[in-house]
């Protein structure tokens, strides 16, 4: 397709990797890619810069190549035993 398309993926996305996204993009002649660092498949829209980038894309403005999300703090699922 020649329709301008913005793909959003994340460095910790275990469902759709950056490599898979780039492969899909090959079918889009006017594709752009926004990579969200430190985000997963469902958290990639959490950084406030992402909706700003989406709005810029729809307004025909440039979109950054990457956005950085603060790393998540590890929280164990099982309580530590003393």
PDB file of N, CA and C in Angstrom:
ATOM      1  N   UNK A   1       0.827  -1.191   0.000  1.00  0.00           N
ATOM      2  CA  UNK A   1       0.000   0.000   0.000  1.00  0.00           C
ATOM      3  C   UNK A   1       0.865   1.245   0.000  1.00  0.00           C
ATOM      4  N   UNK A   2       0.325   2.303  -0.498  1.00  0.00           N
ATOM      5  CA  UNK A   2       1.026   3.592  -0.487  1.00  0.00           C
ATOM      6  C   UNK A   2       0.487   4.517   0.598  1.00  0.00           C
ATOM      7  N   UNK A   3      -0.457   4.041   1.372  1.00  0.00           N
ATOM      8  CA  UNK A   3      -1.042   4.852   2.451  1.00  0.00           C
ATOM      9  C   UNK A   3       0.017   5.068   3.537  1.00  0.00           C
ATOM     10  N   UNK A   4       0.256   6.311   3.965  1.00  0.00           N
ATOM     11  CA  UNK A   4       1.210   6.532   5.049  1.00  0.00           C
ATOM     12  C   UNK A   4       0.781   5.747   6.293  1.00  0.00           C
ATOM     13  N   UNK A   5       1.718   4.995   6.856  1.00  0.00           N
ATOM     14  CA  UNK A   5       1.411   4.117   7.984  1.00  0.00           C
ATOM     15  C   UNK A   5       2.500   4.236   9.037  1.00  0.00           C
ATOM     16  N   UNK A   6       2.078   4.366  10.293  1.00  0.00           N
ATOM     17  CA  UNK A   6       3.010   4.410  11.403  1.00  0.00           C
ATOM     18  C   UNK A   6       2.905   3.100  12.177  1.00  0.00           C
ATOM     19  N   UNK A   7       4.026   2.417  12.298  1.00  0.00           N
ATOM     20  CA  UNK A   7       4.100   1.201  13.091  1.00  0.00           C
ATOM     21  C   UNK A   7       4.747   1.545  14.425  1.00  0.00           C
ATOM     22  N   UNK A   8       4.166   1.032  15.499  1.00  0.00           N
ATOM     23  CA  UNK A   8       4.705   1.248  16.839  1.00  0.00           C
ATOM     24  C   UNK A   8       5.041  -0.110  17.419  1.00  0.00           C
ATOM     25  N   UNK A   9       6.268  -0.283  17.854  1.00  0.00           N
ATOM     26  CA  UNK A   9       6.701  -1.526  18.482  1.00  0.00           C
ATOM     27  C   UNK A   9       7.607  -1.184  19.643  1.00  0.00           C
ATOM     28  N   UNK A  10       7.994  -2.201  20.394  1.00  0.00           N
ATOM     29  CA  UNK A  10       8.770  -1.959  21.600  1.00  0.00           C
ATOM     30  C   UNK A  10       9.915  -2.955  21.720  1.00  0.00           C
ATOM     31  N   UNK A  11      10.964  -2.536  22.404  1.00  0.00           N
ATOM     32  CA  UNK A  11      12.152  -3.377  22.522  1.00  0.00           C
ATOM     33  C   UNK A  11      11.911  -4.629  23.358  1.00  0.00           C
ATOM     34  N   UNK A  12      10.914  -4.630  24.239  1.00  0.00           N
ATOM     35  CA  UNK A  12      10.623  -5.794  25.071  1.00  0.00           C
ATOM     36  C   UNK A  12       9.323  -6.480  24.661  1.00  0.00           C
ATOM     37  N   UNK A  13       8.893  -6.241  23.438  1.00  0.00           N
ATOM     38  CA  UNK A  13       7.649  -6.820  22.939  1.00  0.00           C
ATOM     39  C   UNK A  13       7.874  -8.291  22.612  1.00  0.00           C
ATOM     40  N   UNK A  14       7.283  -9.182  23.405  1.00  0.00           N
ATOM     41  CA  UNK A  14       7.441 -10.608  23.187  1.00  0.00           C
ATOM     42  C   UNK A  14       6.434 -11.191  22.212  1.00  0.00           C
ATOM     43  N   UNK A  15       5.509 -10.368  21.723  1.00  0.00           N
ATOM     44  CA  UNK A  15       4.484 -10.846  20.799  1.00  0.00           C
ATOM     45  C   UNK A  15       4.830 -10.463  19.362  1.00  0.00           C
ATOM     46  N   UNK A  16       5.166  -9.208  19.148  1.00  0.00           N
ATOM     47  CA  UNK A  16       5.533  -8.729  17.815  1.00  0.00           C
ATOM     48  C   UNK A  16       6.883  -8.029  17.929  1.00  0.00           C
ATOM     49  N   UNK A  17       7.918  -8.707  17.532  1.00  0.00           N
ATOM     50  CA  UNK A  17       9.272  -8.155  17.669  1.00  0.00           C
ATOM     51  C   UNK A  17       9.526  -7.033  16.666  1.00  0.00           C
ATOM     52  N   UNK A  18      10.586  -6.311  16.910  1.00  0.00           N
ATOM     53  CA  UNK A  18      10.978  -5.248  15.980  1.00  0.00           C
ATOM     54  C   UNK A  18      11.293  -5.850  14.613  1.00  0.00           C
ATOM     55  N   UNK A  19      11.949  -7.003  14.596  1.00  0.00           N
ATOM     56  CA  UNK A  19      12.271  -7.665  13.319  1.00  0.00           C
ATOM     57  C   UNK A  19      11.007  -8.042  12.558  1.00  0.00           C
ATOM     58  N   UNK A  20       9.990  -8.560  13.262  1.00  0.00           N
ATOM     59  CA  UNK A  20       8.724  -8.896  12.606  1.00  0.00           C
ATOM     60  C   UNK A  20       8.042  -7.639  12.073  1.00  0.00           C
ATOM     61  N   UNK A  21       8.094  -6.579  12.855  1.00  0.00           N
ATOM     62  CA  UNK A  21       7.479  -5.324  12.421  1.00  0.00           C
ATOM     63  C   UNK A  21       8.154  -4.808  11.150  1.00  0.00           C
ATOM     64  N   UNK A  22       9.476  -4.857  11.134  1.00  0.00           N
ATOM     65  CA  UNK A  22      10.204  -4.408   9.930  1.00  0.00           C
ATOM     66  C   UNK A  22       9.838  -5.268   8.716  1.00  0.00           C
ATOM     67  N   UNK A  23       9.638  -6.558   8.926  1.00  0.00           N
ATOM     68  CA  UNK A  23       9.240  -7.453   7.831  1.00  0.00           C
ATOM     69  C   UNK A  23       7.867  -7.059   7.294  1.00  0.00           C
ATOM     70  N   UNK A  24       6.931  -6.785   8.182  1.00  0.00           N
ATOM     71  CA  UNK A  24       5.582  -6.368   7.762  1.00  0.00           C
ATOM     72  C   UNK A  24       5.649  -5.047   7.015  1.00  0.00           C
ATOM     73  N   UNK A  25       6.516  -4.155   7.476  1.00  0.00           N
ATOM     74  CA  UNK A  25       6.637  -2.827   6.860  1.00  0.00           C
ATOM     75  C   UNK A  25       7.062  -2.889   5.402  1.00  0.00           C
ATOM     76  N   UNK A  26       7.677  -3.989   5.017  1.00  0.00           N
ATOM     77  CA  UNK A  26       8.136  -4.102   3.624  1.00  0.00           C
ATOM     78  C   UNK A  26       6.979  -3.977   2.633  1.00  0.00           C
ATOM     79  N   UNK A  27       5.759  -4.268   3.056  1.00  0.00           N
ATOM     80  CA  UNK A  27       4.600  -4.159   2.178  1.00  0.00           C
ATOM     81  C   UNK A  27       3.985  -2.763   2.145  1.00  0.00           C
ATOM     82  N   UNK A  28       4.619  -1.816   2.835  1.00  0.00           N
ATOM     83  CA  UNK A  28       4.094  -0.453   2.921  1.00  0.00           C
ATOM     84  C   UNK A  28       5.156   0.509   2.404  1.00  0.00           C
ATOM     85  N   UNK A  29       4.874   1.154   1.291  1.00  0.00           N
ATOM     86  CA  UNK A  29       5.887   2.019   0.678  1.00  0.00           C
ATOM     87  C   UNK A  29       6.100   3.321   1.445  1.00  0.00           C
ATOM     88  N   UNK A  30       5.134   3.718   2.273  1.00  0.00           N
ATOM     89  CA  UNK A  30       5.274   4.963   3.045  1.00  0.00           C
ATOM     90  C   UNK A  30       5.139   4.662   4.539  1.00  0.00           C
ATOM     91  N   UNK A  31       5.935   3.679   5.003  1.00  0.00           N
ATOM     92  CA  UNK A  31       5.861   3.254   6.402  1.00  0.00           C
ATOM     93  C   UNK A  31       6.891   3.989   7.244  1.00  0.00           C
ATOM     94  N   UNK A  32       6.504   4.260   8.469  1.00  0.00           N
ATOM     95  CA  UNK A  32       7.401   4.838   9.468  1.00  0.00           C
ATOM     96  C   UNK A  32       7.351   3.946  10.693  1.00  0.00           C
ATOM     97  N   UNK A  33       8.440   3.949  11.460  1.00  0.00           N
ATOM     98  CA  UNK A  33       8.539   3.079  12.624  1.00  0.00           C
ATOM     99  C   UNK A  33       8.884   3.900  13.861  1.00  0.00           C
ATOM    100  N   UNK A  34       8.128   3.696  14.919  1.00  0.00           N
ATOM    101  CA  UNK A  34       8.406   4.295  16.223  1.00  0.00           C
ATOM    102  C   UNK A  34       8.707   3.146  17.173  1.00  0.00           C
ATOM    103  N   UNK A  35       9.914   3.120  17.731  1.00  0.00           N
ATOM    104  CA  UNK A  35      10.317   2.084  18.670  1.00  0.00           C
ATOM    105  C   UNK A  35      10.291   2.667  20.078  1.00  0.00           C
ATOM    106  N   UNK A  36       9.590   1.976  20.980  1.00  0.00           N
ATOM    107  CA  UNK A  36       9.513   2.407  22.367  1.00  0.00           C
ATOM    108  C   UNK A  36      10.479   1.538  23.174  1.00  0.00           C
ATOM    109  N   UNK A  37      11.534   2.155  23.656  1.00  0.00           N
ATOM    110  CA  UNK A  37      12.542   1.436  24.427  1.00  0.00           C
ATOM    111  C   UNK A  37      12.025   1.126  25.830  1.00  0.00           C
ATOM    112  N   UNK A  38      12.370  -0.043  26.337  1.00  0.00           N
ATOM    113  CA  UNK A  38      12.006  -0.529  27.677  1.00  0.00           C
ATOM    114  C   UNK A  38      10.517  -0.816  27.827  1.00  0.00           C
ATOM    115  N   UNK A  39       9.795  -0.981  26.752  1.00  0.00           N
ATOM    116  CA  UNK A  39       8.361  -1.258  26.823  1.00  0.00           C
ATOM    117  C   UNK A  39       8.067  -2.617  26.205  1.00  0.00           C
ATOM    118  N   UNK A  40       6.945  -3.186  26.622  1.00  0.00           N
ATOM    119  CA  UNK A  40       6.480  -4.449  26.075  1.00  0.00           C
ATOM    120  C   UNK A  40       5.296  -4.226  25.158  1.00  0.00           C
ATOM    121  N   UNK A  41       4.634  -5.316  24.801  1.00  0.00           N
ATOM    122  CA  UNK A  41       3.541  -5.252  23.833  1.00  0.00           C
ATOM    123  C   UNK A  41       2.380  -4.371  24.313  1.00  0.00           C
ATOM    124  N   UNK A  42       2.022  -4.457  25.576  1.00  0.00           N
ATOM    125  CA  UNK A  42       0.881  -3.679  26.061  1.00  0.00           C
ATOM    126  C   UNK A  42       1.286  -2.382  26.747  1.00  0.00           C
ATOM    127  N   UNK A  43       2.569  -2.233  27.065  1.00  0.00           N
ATOM    128  CA  UNK A  43       2.987  -0.998  27.741  1.00  0.00           C
ATOM    129  C   UNK A  43       3.568   0.030  26.787  1.00  0.00           C
ATOM    130  N   UNK A  44       3.628  -0.272  25.503  1.00  0.00           N
ATOM    131  CA  UNK A  44       4.282   0.635  24.563  1.00  0.00           C
ATOM    132  C   UNK A  44       3.544   1.966  24.369  1.00  0.00           C
ATOM    133  N   UNK A  45       2.299   2.036  24.794  1.00  0.00           N
ATOM    134  CA  UNK A  45       1.567   3.295  24.654  1.00  0.00           C
ATOM    135  C   UNK A  45       1.538   4.097  25.952  1.00  0.00           C
ATOM    136  N   UNK A  46       2.240   3.640  26.988  1.00  0.00           N
ATOM    137  CA  UNK A  46       2.251   4.336  28.272  1.00  0.00           C
ATOM    138  C   UNK A  46       3.043   5.637  28.285  1.00  0.00           C
ATOM    139  N   UNK A  47       4.213   5.709  27.654  1.00  0.00           N
ATOM    140  CA  UNK A  47       4.952   6.971  27.696  1.00  0.00           C
ATOM    141  C   UNK A  47       4.146   8.096  27.038  1.00  0.00           C
ATOM    142  N   UNK A  48       4.102   9.260  27.667  1.00  0.00           N
ATOM    143  CA  UNK A  48       3.305  10.361  27.108  1.00  0.00           C
ATOM    144  C   UNK A  48       3.770  10.822  25.730  1.00  0.00           C
ATOM    145  N   UNK A  49       5.011  10.516  25.367  1.00  0.00           N
ATOM    146  CA  UNK A  49       5.513  10.912  24.051  1.00  0.00           C
ATOM    147  C   UNK A  49       4.865  10.130  22.918  1.00  0.00           C
ATOM    148  N   UNK A  50       4.320   8.951  23.225  1.00  0.00           N
ATOM    149  CA  UNK A  50       3.733   8.118  22.169  1.00  0.00           C
ATOM    150  C   UNK A  50       2.459   8.749  21.599  1.00  0.00           C
ATOM    151  N   UNK A  51       1.474   9.147  22.422  1.00  0.00           N
ATOM    152  CA  UNK A  51       0.308   9.804  21.825  1.00  0.00           C
ATOM    153  C   UNK A  51       0.666  11.116  21.128  1.00  0.00           C
ATOM    154  N   UNK A  52       1.695  11.794  21.619  1.00  0.00           N
ATOM    155  CA  UNK A  52       2.154  13.021  20.946  1.00  0.00           C
ATOM    156  C   UNK A  52       2.686  12.671  19.558  1.00  0.00           C
ATOM    157  N   UNK A  53       3.446  11.571  19.473  1.00  0.00           N
ATOM    158  CA  UNK A  53       3.972  11.133  18.180  1.00  0.00           C
ATOM    159  C   UNK A  53       2.844  10.707  17.245  1.00  0.00           C
ATOM    160  N   UNK A  54       1.829  10.029  17.781  1.00  0.00           N
ATOM    161  CA  UNK A  54       0.675   9.637  16.960  1.00  0.00           C
ATOM    162  C   UNK A  54      -0.040  10.864  16.405  1.00  0.00           C
ATOM    163  N   UNK A  55      -0.239  11.852  17.247  1.00  0.00           N
ATOM    164  CA  UNK A  55      -0.906  13.088  16.793  1.00  0.00           C
ATOM    165  C   UNK A  55      -0.067  13.782  15.725  1.00  0.00           C
ATOM    166  N   UNK A  56       1.246  13.797  15.920  1.00  0.00           N
ATOM    167  CA  UNK A  56       2.134  14.413  14.919  1.00  0.00           C
ATOM    168  C   UNK A  56       2.036  13.666  13.595  1.00  0.00           C
ATOM    169  N   UNK A  57       2.017  12.343  13.653  1.00  0.00           N
ATOM    170  CA  UNK A  57       1.904  11.544  12.426  1.00  0.00           C
ATOM    171  C   UNK A  57       0.629  11.887  11.667  1.00  0.00           C
ATOM    172  N   UNK A  58      -0.500  11.939  12.385  1.00  0.00           N
ATOM    173  CA  UNK A  58      -1.774  12.239  11.721  1.00  0.00           C
ATOM    174  C   UNK A  58      -1.842  13.681  11.222  1.00  0.00           C
ATOM    175  N   UNK A  59      -1.019  14.544  11.786  1.00  0.00           N
ATOM    176  CA  UNK A  59      -0.970  15.940  11.331  1.00  0.00           C
ATOM    177  C   UNK A  59       0.047  16.127  10.204  1.00  0.00           C
ATOM    178  N   UNK A  60       0.690  15.028   9.799  1.00  0.00           N
ATOM    179  CA  UNK A  60       1.660  15.113   8.707  1.00  0.00           C
ATOM    180  C   UNK A  60       3.006  15.648   9.144  1.00  0.00           C
ATOM    181  N   UNK A  61       3.287  15.608  10.422  1.00  0.00           N
ATOM    182  CA  UNK A  61       4.542  16.119  10.956  1.00  0.00           C
ATOM    183  C   UNK A  61       5.520  14.968  11.196  1.00  0.00           C
ATOM    184  N   UNK A  62       6.796  15.295  11.386  1.00  0.00           N
ATOM    185  CA  UNK A  62       7.788  14.241  11.650  1.00  0.00           C
ATOM    186  C   UNK A  62       7.504  13.511  12.963  1.00  0.00           C
ATOM    187  N   UNK A  63       7.895  12.252  12.999  1.00  0.00           N
ATOM    188  CA  UNK A  63       7.727  11.402  14.174  1.00  0.00           C
ATOM    189  C   UNK A  63       9.111  10.928  14.596  1.00  0.00           C
ATOM    190  N   UNK A  64       9.401  10.932  15.904  1.00  0.00           N
ATOM    191  CA  UNK A  64      10.723  10.444  16.324  1.00  0.00           C
ATOM    192  C   UNK A  64      10.883   8.957  16.018  1.00  0.00           C
ATOM    193  N   UNK A  65      12.118   8.524  15.872  1.00  0.00           N
ATOM    194  CA  UNK A  65      12.384   7.104  15.609  1.00  0.00           C
ATOM    195  C   UNK A  65      12.245   6.276  16.882  1.00  0.00           C
ATOM    196  N   UNK A  66      12.561   6.891  18.020  1.00  0.00           N
ATOM    197  CA  UNK A  66      12.476   6.167  19.288  1.00  0.00           C
ATOM    198  C   UNK A  66      11.907   7.068  20.382  1.00  0.00           C
ATOM    199  N   UNK A  67      11.302   6.416  21.345  1.00  0.00           N
ATOM    200  CA  UNK A  67      10.812   7.038  22.572  1.00  0.00           C
ATOM    201  C   UNK A  67      11.301   6.132  23.690  1.00  0.00           C
ATOM    202  N   UNK A  68      11.676   6.705  24.800  1.00  0.00           N
ATOM    203  CA  UNK A  68      12.213   5.895  25.903  1.00  0.00           C
ATOM    204  C   UNK A  68      11.234   5.883  27.069  1.00  0.00           C
ATOM    205  N   UNK A  69      10.927   4.687  27.533  1.00  0.00           N
ATOM    206  CA  UNK A  69      10.101   4.517  28.720  1.00  0.00           C
ATOM    207  C   UNK A  69      11.043   4.181  29.876  1.00  0.00           C
ATOM    208  N   UNK A  70      10.777   4.729  31.046  1.00  0.00           N
ATOM    209  CA  UNK A  70      11.609   4.411  32.207  1.00  0.00           C
ATOM    210  C   UNK A  70      11.551   2.912  32.454  1.00  0.00           C
ATOM    211  N   UNK A  71      12.702   2.306  32.783  1.00  0.00           N
ATOM    212  CA  UNK A  71      12.684   0.860  33.053  1.00  0.00           C
ATOM    213  C   UNK A  71      11.761   0.533  34.218  1.00  0.00           C
ATOM    214  N   UNK A  72      11.095  -0.584  34.106  1.00  0.00           N
ATOM    215  CA  UNK A  72      10.189  -1.015  35.165  1.00  0.00           C
ATOM    216  C   UNK A  72      10.981  -1.643  36.302  1.00  0.00           C
ATOM    217  N   UNK A  73      10.483  -1.478  37.505  1.00  0.00           N
ATOM    218  CA  UNK A  73      11.090  -2.098  38.669  1.00  0.00           C
ATOM    219  C   UNK A  73      10.603  -3.537  38.766  1.00  0.00           C
ATOM    220  N   UNK A  74      11.523  -4.439  38.994  1.00  0.00           N
ATOM    221  CA  UNK A  74      11.156  -5.845  39.118  1.00  0.00           C
ATOM    222  C   UNK A  74      10.413  -6.064  40.414  1.00  0.00           C
ATOM    223  N   UNK A  75       9.260  -6.741  40.314  1.00  0.00           N
ATOM    224  CA  UNK A  75       8.471  -7.064  41.488  1.00  0.00           C
ATOM    225  C   UNK A  75       8.210  -8.565  41.450  1.00  0.00           C
ATOM    226  N   UNK A  76       8.787  -9.317  42.398  1.00  0.00           N
ATOM    227  CA  UNK A  76       8.592 -10.766  42.381  1.00  0.00           C
ATOM    228  C   UNK A  76       7.125 -11.132  42.613  1.00  0.00           C
ATOM    229  N   UNK A  77       6.705 -12.215  41.965  1.00  0.00           N
ATOM    230  CA  UNK A  77       5.328 -12.660  42.098  1.00  0.00           C
ATOM    231  C   UNK A  77       5.108 -13.455  43.392  1.00  0.00           C
ATOM    232  N   UNK A  78       6.189 -13.954  43.949  1.00  0.00           N
ATOM    233  CA  UNK A  78       6.091 -14.741  45.175  1.00  0.00           C
ATOM    234  C   UNK A  78       6.777 -13.963  46.287  1.00  0.00           C
ATOM    235  N   UNK A  79       6.127 -13.845  47.426  1.00  0.00           N
ATOM    236  CA  UNK A  79       6.708 -13.138  48.556  1.00  0.00           C
ATOM    237  C   UNK A  79       7.973 -13.849  49.023  1.00  0.00           C
ATOM    238  N   UNK A  80       8.972 -13.086  49.345  1.00  0.00           N
ATOM    239  CA  UNK A  80      10.213 -13.654  49.839  1.00  0.00           C
ATOM    240  C   UNK A  80       9.989 -14.260  51.222  1.00  0.00           C
ATOM    241  N   UNK A  81      10.556 -15.409  51.436  1.00  0.00           N
ATOM    242  CA  UNK A  81      10.417 -16.068  52.734  1.00  0.00           C
ATOM    243  C   UNK A  81      11.600 -15.699  53.616  1.00  0.00           C
ATOM    244  N   UNK A  82      11.315 -15.538  54.874  1.00  0.00           N
ATOM    245  CA  UNK A  82      12.376 -15.152  55.814  1.00  0.00           C
ATOM    246  C   UNK A  82      12.851 -16.347  56.594  1.00  0.00           C
TER     247      UNK A  82
END
